[in-house]
Amino acid sequence: MSDEESPHLKSLALLEGLIEEAELDWAVTLDPEPLSRSTGLPESVVVAGLHRRPLPESDFLQQVTQRLEFLRRTRMGPAGRPYTQAEIAHGAGLTPQWFGRFLRGEKAPSLEHAARIEDFFQVSRGFLTATPSQALDRALRERLEEERSRQLAELQDFKRKNQLNGFALRGTSPKTRAVMQALIDSIEEDQQDV
């Protein structure tokens, strides 16, 4: 499986490196359930991707239909119940009949219609149309960015608490940030012992 065929592999490798360098919990950082929810992929497909096994290929129309069903099952309306077909159609600027054709797998939405549906459900562009590897790649990149932001916030908080004025991490690699975090942890431990 090459990175061109499976774009998620590069992001997975970066995230695994960060997990190792920062000594993060693998099970928490790469939990398949939230990755499944953010991609619309079944957990079994996410697990296969995380273990570098080939991801199943599906017919585009079938994929769109499955992800629409996933959104209807997992995203609740204001009343705490699933959205009706009519509510989704109205919210996406489509007729209920046209939207029904998408749900039944009779017709694939145009990119414009897919974007309107994605906007209605407040999911990222490509949620309905991305291949499994593209969807997993997007979710892994988001997870990587969340973790980097969390680490940076921790370092900035430490800087503020300890009045460190000459501490900058702009453009640093995850490995450098991990080393800095280890140094900061060591300093904090030393301060607690005093």
N, C-alpha and C. Protein backbone atom coordinates (compact mmCIF):
# COMPACT_ATOMS: atom_id res chain seq x y z
N MET A 1 0.84 -1.17 0.00
CA MET A 1 0.00 0.00 0.00
C MET A 1 0.89 1.24 0.00
N SER A 2 0.78 2.06 -1.02
CA SER A 2 1.60 3.27 -1.10
C SER A 2 0.85 4.46 -0.53
N ASP A 3 1.60 5.55 -0.24
CA ASP A 3 0.97 6.76 0.26
C ASP A 3 0.03 7.38 -0.76
N GLU A 4 0.32 7.18 -2.06
CA GLU A 4 -0.56 7.71 -3.09
C GLU A 4 -1.89 6.96 -3.09
N GLU A 5 -1.83 5.64 -2.93
CA GLU A 5 -3.05 4.84 -2.90
C GLU A 5 -3.78 5.04 -1.58
N SER A 6 -3.03 5.25 -0.51
CA SER A 6 -3.58 5.35 0.84
C SER A 6 -3.00 6.58 1.53
N PRO A 7 -3.59 7.75 1.27
CA PRO A 7 -3.02 8.98 1.82
C PRO A 7 -2.99 9.02 3.35
N HIS A 8 -3.80 8.20 4.01
CA HIS A 8 -3.81 8.22 5.48
C HIS A 8 -2.52 7.69 6.09
N LEU A 9 -1.74 6.94 5.32
CA LEU A 9 -0.53 6.32 5.89
C LEU A 9 0.50 7.35 6.34
N LYS A 10 0.65 8.43 5.59
CA LYS A 10 1.61 9.47 5.97
C LYS A 10 1.18 10.15 7.27
N SER A 11 -0.10 10.50 7.36
CA SER A 11 -0.59 11.15 8.58
C SER A 11 -0.52 10.19 9.77
N LEU A 12 -0.79 8.92 9.52
CA LEU A 12 -0.69 7.92 10.58
C LEU A 12 0.74 7.83 11.11
N ALA A 13 1.71 7.82 10.21
CA ALA A 13 3.12 7.76 10.62
C ALA A 13 3.50 8.99 11.44
N LEU A 14 3.05 10.17 11.04
CA LEU A 14 3.34 11.39 11.80
C LEU A 14 2.73 11.33 13.19
N LEU A 15 1.49 10.88 13.25
CA LEU A 15 0.80 10.80 14.54
C LEU A 15 1.44 9.74 15.44
N GLU A 16 1.84 8.62 14.86
CA GLU A 16 2.53 7.59 15.64
C GLU A 16 3.85 8.12 16.19
N GLY A 17 4.57 8.89 15.38
CA GLY A 17 5.81 9.50 15.85
C GLY A 17 5.57 10.43 17.02
N LEU A 18 4.53 11.24 16.93
CA LEU A 18 4.20 12.16 18.01
C LEU A 18 3.80 11.39 19.26
N ILE A 19 3.03 10.34 19.10
CA ILE A 19 2.62 9.51 20.24
C ILE A 19 3.85 8.95 20.96
N GLU A 20 4.77 8.44 20.18
CA GLU A 20 5.98 7.85 20.75
C GLU A 20 6.86 8.91 21.42
N GLU A 21 7.10 10.01 20.72
CA GLU A 21 7.98 11.06 21.25
C GLU A 21 7.41 11.71 22.51
N ALA A 22 6.11 11.94 22.52
CA ALA A 22 5.49 12.62 23.65
C ALA A 22 4.95 11.63 24.69
N GLU A 23 5.18 10.35 24.45
CA GLU A 23 4.72 9.29 25.36
C GLU A 23 3.23 9.40 25.65
N LEU A 24 2.45 9.53 24.58
CA LEU A 24 1.00 9.62 24.72
C LEU A 24 0.41 8.22 24.78
N ASP A 25 -0.82 8.14 25.20
CA ASP A 25 -1.53 6.87 25.28
C ASP A 25 -2.06 6.53 23.88
N TRP A 26 -1.54 5.44 23.32
CA TRP A 26 -1.94 5.02 21.97
C TRP A 26 -3.45 4.81 21.89
N ALA A 27 -4.00 4.10 22.87
CA ALA A 27 -5.42 3.75 22.83
C ALA A 27 -6.31 4.99 22.84
N VAL A 28 -5.89 6.02 23.54
CA VAL A 28 -6.68 7.25 23.60
C VAL A 28 -6.48 8.07 22.33
N THR A 29 -5.24 8.23 21.92
CA THR A 29 -4.92 9.08 20.77
C THR A 29 -5.47 8.50 19.47
N LEU A 30 -5.42 7.18 19.34
CA LEU A 30 -5.90 6.53 18.11
C LEU A 30 -7.15 5.70 18.38
N ASP A 31 -8.04 6.21 19.22
CA ASP A 31 -9.31 5.53 19.52
C ASP A 31 -10.17 5.48 18.26
N PRO A 32 -10.52 4.28 17.81
CA PRO A 32 -11.28 4.16 16.55
C PRO A 32 -12.69 4.77 16.60
N GLU A 33 -13.32 4.81 17.78
CA GLU A 33 -14.70 5.31 17.85
C GLU A 33 -14.82 6.76 17.42
N PRO A 34 -14.04 7.70 17.99
CA PRO A 34 -14.17 9.08 17.51
C PRO A 34 -13.70 9.25 16.06
N LEU A 35 -12.73 8.46 15.65
CA LEU A 35 -12.29 8.53 14.24
C LEU A 35 -13.40 8.05 13.33
N SER A 36 -14.12 7.03 13.75
CA SER A 36 -15.26 6.53 12.97
C SER A 36 -16.34 7.61 12.86
N ARG A 37 -16.63 8.24 13.97
CA ARG A 37 -17.68 9.27 13.99
C ARG A 37 -17.31 10.46 13.10
N SER A 38 -16.03 10.82 13.09
CA SER A 38 -15.64 11.99 12.30
C SER A 38 -15.48 11.68 10.82
N THR A 39 -15.38 10.40 10.47
CA THR A 39 -15.20 10.03 9.06
C THR A 39 -16.43 9.42 8.41
N GLY A 40 -17.33 8.87 9.23
CA GLY A 40 -18.47 8.15 8.67
C GLY A 40 -18.10 6.73 8.26
N LEU A 41 -16.90 6.30 8.61
CA LEU A 41 -16.45 4.95 8.29
C LEU A 41 -16.80 4.02 9.45
N PRO A 42 -17.17 2.79 9.16
CA PRO A 42 -17.38 1.84 10.26
C PRO A 42 -16.09 1.66 11.05
N GLU A 43 -16.21 1.38 12.35
CA GLU A 43 -15.03 1.22 13.19
C GLU A 43 -14.10 0.15 12.65
N SER A 44 -14.66 -0.91 12.07
CA SER A 44 -13.82 -1.99 11.54
C SER A 44 -12.92 -1.48 10.41
N VAL A 45 -13.41 -0.54 9.61
CA VAL A 45 -12.62 0.03 8.53
C VAL A 45 -11.53 0.94 9.11
N VAL A 46 -11.88 1.72 10.13
CA VAL A 46 -10.90 2.58 10.79
C VAL A 46 -9.78 1.72 11.39
N VAL A 47 -10.16 0.64 12.08
CA VAL A 47 -9.16 -0.25 12.69
C VAL A 47 -8.25 -0.83 11.61
N ALA A 48 -8.83 -1.24 10.48
CA ALA A 48 -8.01 -1.77 9.38
C ALA A 48 -7.01 -0.71 8.91
N GLY A 49 -7.46 0.52 8.75
CA GLY A 49 -6.58 1.59 8.32
C GLY A 49 -5.48 1.89 9.33
N LEU A 50 -5.82 1.83 10.62
CA LEU A 50 -4.83 2.08 11.66
C LEU A 50 -3.79 0.97 11.75
N HIS A 51 -4.17 -0.22 11.28
CA HIS A 51 -3.24 -1.36 11.26
C HIS A 51 -2.61 -1.56 9.89
N ARG A 52 -2.79 -0.56 9.02
CA ARG A 52 -2.19 -0.56 7.67
C ARG A 52 -2.67 -1.72 6.80
N ARG A 53 -3.86 -2.21 7.09
CA ARG A 53 -4.45 -3.24 6.23
C ARG A 53 -5.20 -2.53 5.10
N PRO A 54 -5.38 -3.20 3.98
CA PRO A 54 -6.10 -2.57 2.87
C PRO A 54 -7.53 -2.17 3.29
N LEU A 55 -7.92 -0.99 2.87
CA LEU A 55 -9.27 -0.51 3.15
C LEU A 55 -10.22 -1.00 2.06
N PRO A 56 -11.43 -1.36 2.45
CA PRO A 56 -12.37 -1.86 1.44
C PRO A 56 -12.74 -0.76 0.44
N GLU A 57 -12.87 -1.18 -0.78
CA GLU A 57 -13.33 -0.25 -1.81
C GLU A 57 -14.82 -0.45 -1.98
N SER A 58 -15.53 0.64 -2.13
CA SER A 58 -16.97 0.52 -2.35
C SER A 58 -17.35 1.39 -3.54
N ASP A 59 -18.43 1.05 -4.10
CA ASP A 59 -19.02 1.82 -5.19
C ASP A 59 -19.32 3.23 -4.65
N PHE A 60 -19.03 4.26 -5.44
CA PHE A 60 -19.22 5.63 -5.00
C PHE A 60 -20.65 5.88 -4.51
N LEU A 61 -21.62 5.43 -5.27
CA LEU A 61 -23.02 5.64 -4.91
C LEU A 61 -23.34 4.94 -3.59
N GLN A 62 -22.84 3.73 -3.42
CA GLN A 62 -23.04 2.98 -2.19
C GLN A 62 -22.39 3.71 -1.01
N GLN A 63 -21.19 4.25 -1.22
CA GLN A 63 -20.47 4.98 -0.19
C GLN A 63 -21.25 6.21 0.26
N VAL A 64 -21.76 6.99 -0.68
CA VAL A 64 -22.51 8.19 -0.35
C VAL A 64 -23.77 7.81 0.44
N THR A 65 -24.45 6.77 -0.01
CA THR A 65 -25.66 6.32 0.67
C THR A 65 -25.35 5.88 2.10
N GLN A 66 -24.27 5.12 2.28
CA GLN A 66 -23.90 4.67 3.62
C GLN A 66 -23.57 5.84 4.53
N ARG A 67 -22.87 6.83 4.01
CA ARG A 67 -22.51 7.97 4.85
C ARG A 67 -23.71 8.85 5.16
N LEU A 68 -24.65 8.95 4.21
CA LEU A 68 -25.89 9.68 4.51
C LEU A 68 -26.65 8.97 5.62
N GLU A 69 -26.74 7.66 5.53
CA GLU A 69 -27.41 6.88 6.58
C GLU A 69 -26.69 7.05 7.91
N PHE A 70 -25.37 7.06 7.88
CA PHE A 70 -24.57 7.26 9.09
C PHE A 70 -24.90 8.61 9.72
N LEU A 71 -24.94 9.67 8.91
CA LEU A 71 -25.25 11.00 9.43
C LEU A 71 -26.65 11.04 10.04
N ARG A 72 -27.61 10.42 9.37
CA ARG A 72 -28.98 10.42 9.90
C ARG A 72 -29.05 9.66 11.22
N ARG A 73 -28.25 8.63 11.36
CA ARG A 73 -28.25 7.79 12.57
C ARG A 73 -27.52 8.46 13.73
N THR A 74 -26.48 9.22 13.43
CA THR A 74 -25.61 9.73 14.50
C THR A 74 -25.77 11.22 14.81
N ARG A 75 -26.39 11.98 13.96
CA ARG A 75 -26.56 13.42 14.20
C ARG A 75 -28.03 13.68 14.50
N MET A 76 -28.25 14.20 15.70
CA MET A 76 -29.63 14.42 16.14
C MET A 76 -30.05 15.87 15.93
N GLY A 77 -31.33 16.03 15.72
CA GLY A 77 -31.91 17.36 15.57
C GLY A 77 -32.07 18.04 16.92
N PRO A 78 -32.58 19.27 16.93
CA PRO A 78 -32.73 20.03 18.17
C PRO A 78 -33.61 19.31 19.21
N ALA A 79 -34.57 18.53 18.76
CA ALA A 79 -35.46 17.84 19.68
C ALA A 79 -34.85 16.54 20.21
N GLY A 80 -33.59 16.26 19.84
CA GLY A 80 -32.94 15.05 20.32
C GLY A 80 -33.33 13.79 19.56
N ARG A 81 -33.94 13.96 18.42
CA ARG A 81 -34.33 12.82 17.58
C ARG A 81 -33.67 12.96 16.22
N PRO A 82 -33.57 11.87 15.47
CA PRO A 82 -32.96 11.98 14.13
C PRO A 82 -33.76 12.95 13.25
N TYR A 83 -33.04 13.61 12.37
CA TYR A 83 -33.69 14.49 11.42
C TYR A 83 -34.55 13.68 10.46
N THR A 84 -35.67 14.25 10.06
CA THR A 84 -36.49 13.60 9.04
C THR A 84 -35.89 13.89 7.67
N GLN A 85 -36.30 13.11 6.71
CA GLN A 85 -35.85 13.32 5.33
C GLN A 85 -36.24 14.73 4.87
N ALA A 86 -37.43 15.16 5.22
CA ALA A 86 -37.90 16.49 4.81
C ALA A 86 -37.07 17.60 5.46
N GLU A 87 -36.71 17.43 6.74
CA GLU A 87 -35.90 18.45 7.43
C GLU A 87 -34.53 18.58 6.78
N ILE A 88 -33.93 17.45 6.45
CA ILE A 88 -32.61 17.50 5.82
C ILE A 88 -32.72 18.15 4.44
N ALA A 89 -33.70 17.71 3.68
CA ALA A 89 -33.88 18.26 2.33
C ALA A 89 -34.08 19.77 2.40
N HIS A 90 -34.98 20.21 3.28
CA HIS A 90 -35.24 21.64 3.41
C HIS A 90 -33.98 22.39 3.84
N GLY A 91 -33.26 21.86 4.84
CA GLY A 91 -32.05 22.50 5.34
C GLY A 91 -30.94 22.56 4.31
N ALA A 92 -30.94 21.62 3.37
CA ALA A 92 -29.91 21.59 2.33
C ALA A 92 -30.38 22.25 1.04
N GLY A 93 -31.61 22.77 1.05
CA GLY A 93 -32.12 23.44 -0.15
C GLY A 93 -32.48 22.48 -1.27
N LEU A 94 -32.92 21.29 -0.91
CA LEU A 94 -33.31 20.28 -1.90
C LEU A 94 -34.77 19.91 -1.68
N THR A 95 -35.35 19.26 -2.65
CA THR A 95 -36.70 18.75 -2.44
C THR A 95 -36.59 17.42 -1.72
N PRO A 96 -37.59 17.07 -0.91
CA PRO A 96 -37.57 15.76 -0.24
C PRO A 96 -37.46 14.60 -1.23
N GLN A 97 -38.08 14.74 -2.39
CA GLN A 97 -38.02 13.68 -3.39
C GLN A 97 -36.59 13.50 -3.91
N TRP A 98 -35.94 14.60 -4.17
CA TRP A 98 -34.57 14.54 -4.69
C TRP A 98 -33.65 13.94 -3.63
N PHE A 99 -33.78 14.40 -2.40
CA PHE A 99 -32.97 13.86 -1.32
C PHE A 99 -33.26 12.37 -1.11
N GLY A 100 -34.51 11.99 -1.24
CA GLY A 100 -34.89 10.58 -1.11
C GLY A 100 -34.17 9.70 -2.13
N ARG A 101 -33.96 10.23 -3.32
CA ARG A 101 -33.22 9.47 -4.34
C ARG A 101 -31.79 9.22 -3.90
N PHE A 102 -31.19 10.19 -3.21
CA PHE A 102 -29.83 10.00 -2.69
C PHE A 102 -29.83 8.91 -1.61
N LEU A 103 -30.81 8.98 -0.71
CA LEU A 103 -30.89 8.01 0.39
C LEU A 103 -31.12 6.58 -0.11
N ARG A 104 -31.87 6.45 -1.16
CA ARG A 104 -32.17 5.12 -1.72
C ARG A 104 -31.05 4.63 -2.63
N GLY A 105 -30.04 5.47 -2.87
CA GLY A 105 -28.95 5.07 -3.73
C GLY A 105 -29.30 5.06 -5.20
N GLU A 106 -30.34 5.80 -5.56
CA GLU A 106 -30.76 5.87 -6.97
C GLU A 106 -29.93 6.89 -7.74
N LYS A 107 -29.41 7.87 -7.03
CA LYS A 107 -28.67 8.95 -7.68
C LYS A 107 -27.62 9.47 -6.71
N ALA A 108 -26.46 9.81 -7.24
CA ALA A 108 -25.41 10.43 -6.43
C ALA A 108 -25.61 11.94 -6.45
N PRO A 109 -25.39 12.60 -5.32
CA PRO A 109 -25.53 14.06 -5.33
C PRO A 109 -24.38 14.71 -6.11
N SER A 110 -24.68 15.83 -6.72
CA SER A 110 -23.60 16.61 -7.33
C SER A 110 -22.71 17.12 -6.20
N LEU A 111 -21.55 17.65 -6.55
CA LEU A 111 -20.67 18.20 -5.51
C LEU A 111 -21.36 19.35 -4.76
N GLU A 112 -22.14 20.13 -5.49
CA GLU A 112 -22.87 21.23 -4.85
C GLU A 112 -23.89 20.70 -3.85
N HIS A 113 -24.65 19.67 -4.26
CA HIS A 113 -25.65 19.10 -3.36
C HIS A 113 -24.97 18.43 -2.16
N ALA A 114 -23.86 17.73 -2.42
CA ALA A 114 -23.12 17.09 -1.33
C ALA A 114 -22.64 18.16 -0.34
N ALA A 115 -22.15 19.29 -0.86
CA ALA A 115 -21.67 20.37 0.01
C ALA A 115 -22.82 20.93 0.85
N ARG A 116 -23.99 21.07 0.28
CA ARG A 116 -25.13 21.58 1.04
C ARG A 116 -25.53 20.62 2.16
N ILE A 117 -25.51 19.33 1.85
CA ILE A 117 -25.84 18.33 2.87
C ILE A 117 -24.78 18.33 3.97
N GLU A 118 -23.51 18.41 3.57
CA GLU A 118 -22.41 18.47 4.55
C GLU A 118 -22.55 19.71 5.43
N ASP A 119 -22.92 20.83 4.83
CA ASP A 119 -23.14 22.06 5.61
C ASP A 119 -24.28 21.88 6.60
N PHE A 120 -25.36 21.25 6.15
CA PHE A 120 -26.51 21.02 7.03
C PHE A 120 -26.08 20.24 8.27
N PHE A 121 -25.30 19.19 8.07
CA PHE A 121 -24.86 18.34 9.18
C PHE A 121 -23.61 18.88 9.88
N GLN A 122 -23.07 19.97 9.37
CA GLN A 122 -21.88 20.60 9.93
C GLN A 122 -20.70 19.63 10.00
N VAL A 123 -20.48 18.96 8.88
CA VAL A 123 -19.31 18.09 8.73
C VAL A 123 -18.43 18.70 7.65
N SER A 124 -17.20 18.26 7.60
CA SER A 124 -16.25 18.86 6.67
C SER A 124 -16.58 18.51 5.22
N ARG A 125 -16.09 19.36 4.32
CA ARG A 125 -16.23 19.11 2.90
C ARG A 125 -15.57 17.78 2.56
N GLY A 126 -16.23 17.01 1.73
CA GLY A 126 -15.70 15.72 1.34
C GLY A 126 -16.17 14.59 2.22
N PHE A 127 -16.91 14.88 3.28
CA PHE A 127 -17.38 13.82 4.17
C PHE A 127 -18.12 12.75 3.38
N LEU A 128 -18.98 13.16 2.48
CA LEU A 128 -19.77 12.19 1.71
C LEU A 128 -18.99 11.57 0.55
N THR A 129 -18.03 12.30 0.01
CA THR A 129 -17.41 11.88 -1.25
C THR A 129 -15.98 11.35 -1.13
N ALA A 130 -15.32 11.54 0.00
CA ALA A 130 -13.93 11.10 0.15
C ALA A 130 -13.84 9.58 0.17
N THR A 131 -12.76 9.06 -0.39
CA THR A 131 -12.51 7.62 -0.29
C THR A 131 -12.26 7.30 1.18
N PRO A 132 -12.34 6.04 1.58
CA PRO A 132 -12.05 5.71 2.98
C PRO A 132 -10.67 6.20 3.43
N SER A 133 -9.65 6.06 2.60
CA SER A 133 -8.32 6.51 2.98
C SER A 133 -8.27 8.03 3.10
N GLN A 134 -8.93 8.74 2.20
CA GLN A 134 -8.96 10.20 2.28
C GLN A 134 -9.70 10.66 3.54
N ALA A 135 -10.79 9.99 3.87
CA ALA A 135 -11.57 10.35 5.06
C ALA A 135 -10.74 10.10 6.32
N LEU A 136 -10.07 8.96 6.37
CA LEU A 136 -9.24 8.65 7.54
C LEU A 136 -8.05 9.60 7.62
N ASP A 137 -7.48 9.95 6.49
CA ASP A 137 -6.37 10.90 6.46
C ASP A 137 -6.79 12.24 7.06
N ARG A 138 -7.95 12.73 6.67
CA ARG A 138 -8.44 14.01 7.19
C ARG A 138 -8.61 13.94 8.71
N ALA A 139 -9.19 12.84 9.19
CA ALA A 139 -9.41 12.70 10.63
C ALA A 139 -8.08 12.59 11.38
N LEU A 140 -7.13 11.89 10.82
CA LEU A 140 -5.82 11.75 11.48
C LEU A 140 -5.07 13.09 11.49
N ARG A 141 -5.17 13.84 10.39
CA ARG A 141 -4.52 15.16 10.36
C ARG A 141 -5.15 16.08 11.40
N GLU A 142 -6.48 16.02 11.54
CA GLU A 142 -7.16 16.83 12.56
C GLU A 142 -6.70 16.41 13.95
N ARG A 143 -6.58 15.12 14.18
CA ARG A 143 -6.13 14.60 15.49
C ARG A 143 -4.69 15.05 15.78
N LEU A 144 -3.85 15.00 14.76
CA LEU A 144 -2.46 15.43 14.89
C LEU A 144 -2.40 16.91 15.27
N GLU A 145 -3.19 17.72 14.59
CA GLU A 145 -3.20 19.16 14.87
C GLU A 145 -3.75 19.44 16.27
N GLU A 146 -4.79 18.69 16.68
CA GLU A 146 -5.33 18.86 18.03
C GLU A 146 -4.26 18.56 19.08
N GLU A 147 -3.53 17.49 18.88
CA GLU A 147 -2.50 17.09 19.84
C GLU A 147 -1.37 18.11 19.87
N ARG A 148 -0.95 18.58 18.71
CA ARG A 148 0.10 19.61 18.66
C ARG A 148 -0.36 20.89 19.36
N SER A 149 -1.62 21.27 19.13
CA SER A 149 -2.16 22.47 19.77
C SER A 149 -2.23 22.30 21.27
N ARG A 150 -2.64 21.11 21.72
CA ARG A 150 -2.72 20.84 23.16
C ARG A 150 -1.34 20.94 23.80
N GLN A 151 -0.34 20.36 23.14
CA GLN A 151 1.02 20.41 23.68
C GLN A 151 1.54 21.85 23.72
N LEU A 152 1.28 22.59 22.68
CA LEU A 152 1.72 23.98 22.64
C LEU A 152 1.04 24.79 23.74
N ALA A 153 -0.25 24.54 23.96
CA ALA A 153 -0.97 25.26 25.03
C ALA A 153 -0.38 24.93 26.39
N GLU A 154 -0.01 23.67 26.60
CA GLU A 154 0.60 23.29 27.87
C GLU A 154 1.93 24.01 28.06
N LEU A 155 2.72 24.09 27.00
CA LEU A 155 4.00 24.78 27.10
C LEU A 155 3.81 26.27 27.35
N GLN A 156 2.84 26.86 26.66
CA GLN A 156 2.59 28.28 26.86
C GLN A 156 2.08 28.55 28.28
N ASP A 157 1.27 27.64 28.81
CA ASP A 157 0.78 27.78 30.17
C ASP A 157 1.94 27.70 31.16
N PHE A 158 2.84 26.76 30.92
CA PHE A 158 4.02 26.63 31.77
C PHE A 158 4.86 27.90 31.71
N LYS A 159 5.03 28.43 30.52
CA LYS A 159 5.80 29.67 30.33
C LYS A 159 5.18 30.81 31.13
N ARG A 160 3.86 30.92 31.04
CA ARG A 160 3.16 31.98 31.76
C ARG A 160 3.28 31.79 33.27
N LYS A 161 3.05 30.58 33.75
CA LYS A 161 3.10 30.31 35.19
C LYS A 161 4.49 30.54 35.76
N ASN A 162 5.51 30.27 34.97
CA ASN A 162 6.88 30.38 35.46
C ASN A 162 7.59 31.64 34.96
N GLN A 163 6.83 32.53 34.35
CA GLN A 163 7.33 33.81 33.88
C GLN A 163 8.58 33.66 33.01
N LEU A 164 8.52 32.74 32.09
CA LEU A 164 9.62 32.56 31.14
C LEU A 164 9.34 33.45 29.94
N ASN A 165 10.17 34.46 29.74
CA ASN A 165 9.90 35.42 28.68
C ASN A 165 10.61 35.09 27.37
N GLY A 166 11.67 34.31 27.40
CA GLY A 166 12.44 34.07 26.19
C GLY A 166 12.21 32.69 25.60
N PHE A 167 11.02 32.17 25.71
CA PHE A 167 10.73 30.80 25.31
C PHE A 167 9.82 30.83 24.08
N ALA A 168 10.31 30.37 22.93
CA ALA A 168 9.50 30.38 21.70
C ALA A 168 9.60 29.02 21.03
N LEU A 169 8.48 28.56 20.50
CA LEU A 169 8.44 27.25 19.83
C LEU A 169 7.96 27.35 18.38
N ARG A 170 7.98 28.52 17.83
CA ARG A 170 7.50 28.68 16.46
C ARG A 170 8.31 27.81 15.51
N GLY A 171 7.63 27.06 14.70
CA GLY A 171 8.27 26.27 13.66
C GLY A 171 9.04 25.07 14.17
N THR A 172 8.84 24.69 15.41
CA THR A 172 9.56 23.53 15.93
C THR A 172 8.88 22.24 15.51
N SER A 173 9.66 21.22 15.44
CA SER A 173 9.13 19.91 15.05
C SER A 173 8.48 19.25 16.25
N PRO A 174 7.64 18.24 16.01
CA PRO A 174 7.04 17.51 17.13
C PRO A 174 8.11 16.89 18.04
N LYS A 175 9.22 16.45 17.45
CA LYS A 175 10.29 15.85 18.25
C LYS A 175 10.90 16.90 19.18
N THR A 176 11.13 18.10 18.66
CA THR A 176 11.70 19.18 19.48
C THR A 176 10.73 19.54 20.60
N ARG A 177 9.44 19.64 20.27
CA ARG A 177 8.44 19.96 21.29
C ARG A 177 8.41 18.89 22.36
N ALA A 178 8.56 17.62 21.96
CA ALA A 178 8.56 16.52 22.93
C ALA A 178 9.77 16.62 23.84
N VAL A 179 10.93 16.97 23.28
CA VAL A 179 12.14 17.13 24.10
C VAL A 179 11.95 18.29 25.07
N MET A 180 11.38 19.38 24.56
CA MET A 180 11.13 20.54 25.42
C MET A 180 10.15 20.17 26.54
N GLN A 181 9.14 19.37 26.21
CA GLN A 181 8.16 18.96 27.21
C GLN A 181 8.85 18.13 28.29
N ALA A 182 9.76 17.25 27.88
CA ALA A 182 10.49 16.43 28.86
C ALA A 182 11.34 17.32 29.76
N LEU A 183 11.97 18.32 29.19
CA LEU A 183 12.77 19.25 29.97
C LEU A 183 11.90 20.02 30.96
N ILE A 184 10.77 20.49 30.48
CA ILE A 184 9.85 21.24 31.35
C ILE A 184 9.34 20.34 32.47
N ASP A 185 9.00 19.09 32.15
CA ASP A 185 8.54 18.14 33.18
C ASP A 185 9.62 17.93 34.23
N SER A 186 10.86 17.83 33.78
CA SER A 186 11.97 17.64 34.70
C SER A 186 12.13 18.85 35.62
N ILE A 187 12.02 20.03 35.06
CA ILE A 187 12.11 21.26 35.85
C ILE A 187 10.99 21.32 36.87
N GLU A 188 9.78 20.99 36.43
CA GLU A 188 8.63 21.01 37.35
C GLU A 188 8.84 20.02 38.49
N GLU A 189 9.35 18.84 38.20
CA GLU A 189 9.60 17.83 39.23
C GLU A 189 10.64 18.34 40.22
N ASP A 190 11.70 18.97 39.69
CA ASP A 190 12.73 19.52 40.55
C ASP A 190 12.16 20.61 41.46
N GLN A 191 11.27 21.43 40.93
CA GLN A 191 10.68 22.51 41.71
C GLN A 191 9.78 21.95 42.82
N GLN A 192 9.11 20.84 42.53
CA GLN A 192 8.23 20.24 43.54
C GLN A 192 9.03 19.59 44.66
N ASP A 193 10.24 19.13 44.35
CA ASP A 193 11.09 18.50 45.36
C ASP A 193 11.71 19.50 46.31
N VAL A 194 11.76 20.75 45.87
CA VAL A 194 12.43 21.78 46.70
C VAL A 194 11.54 22.21 47.83
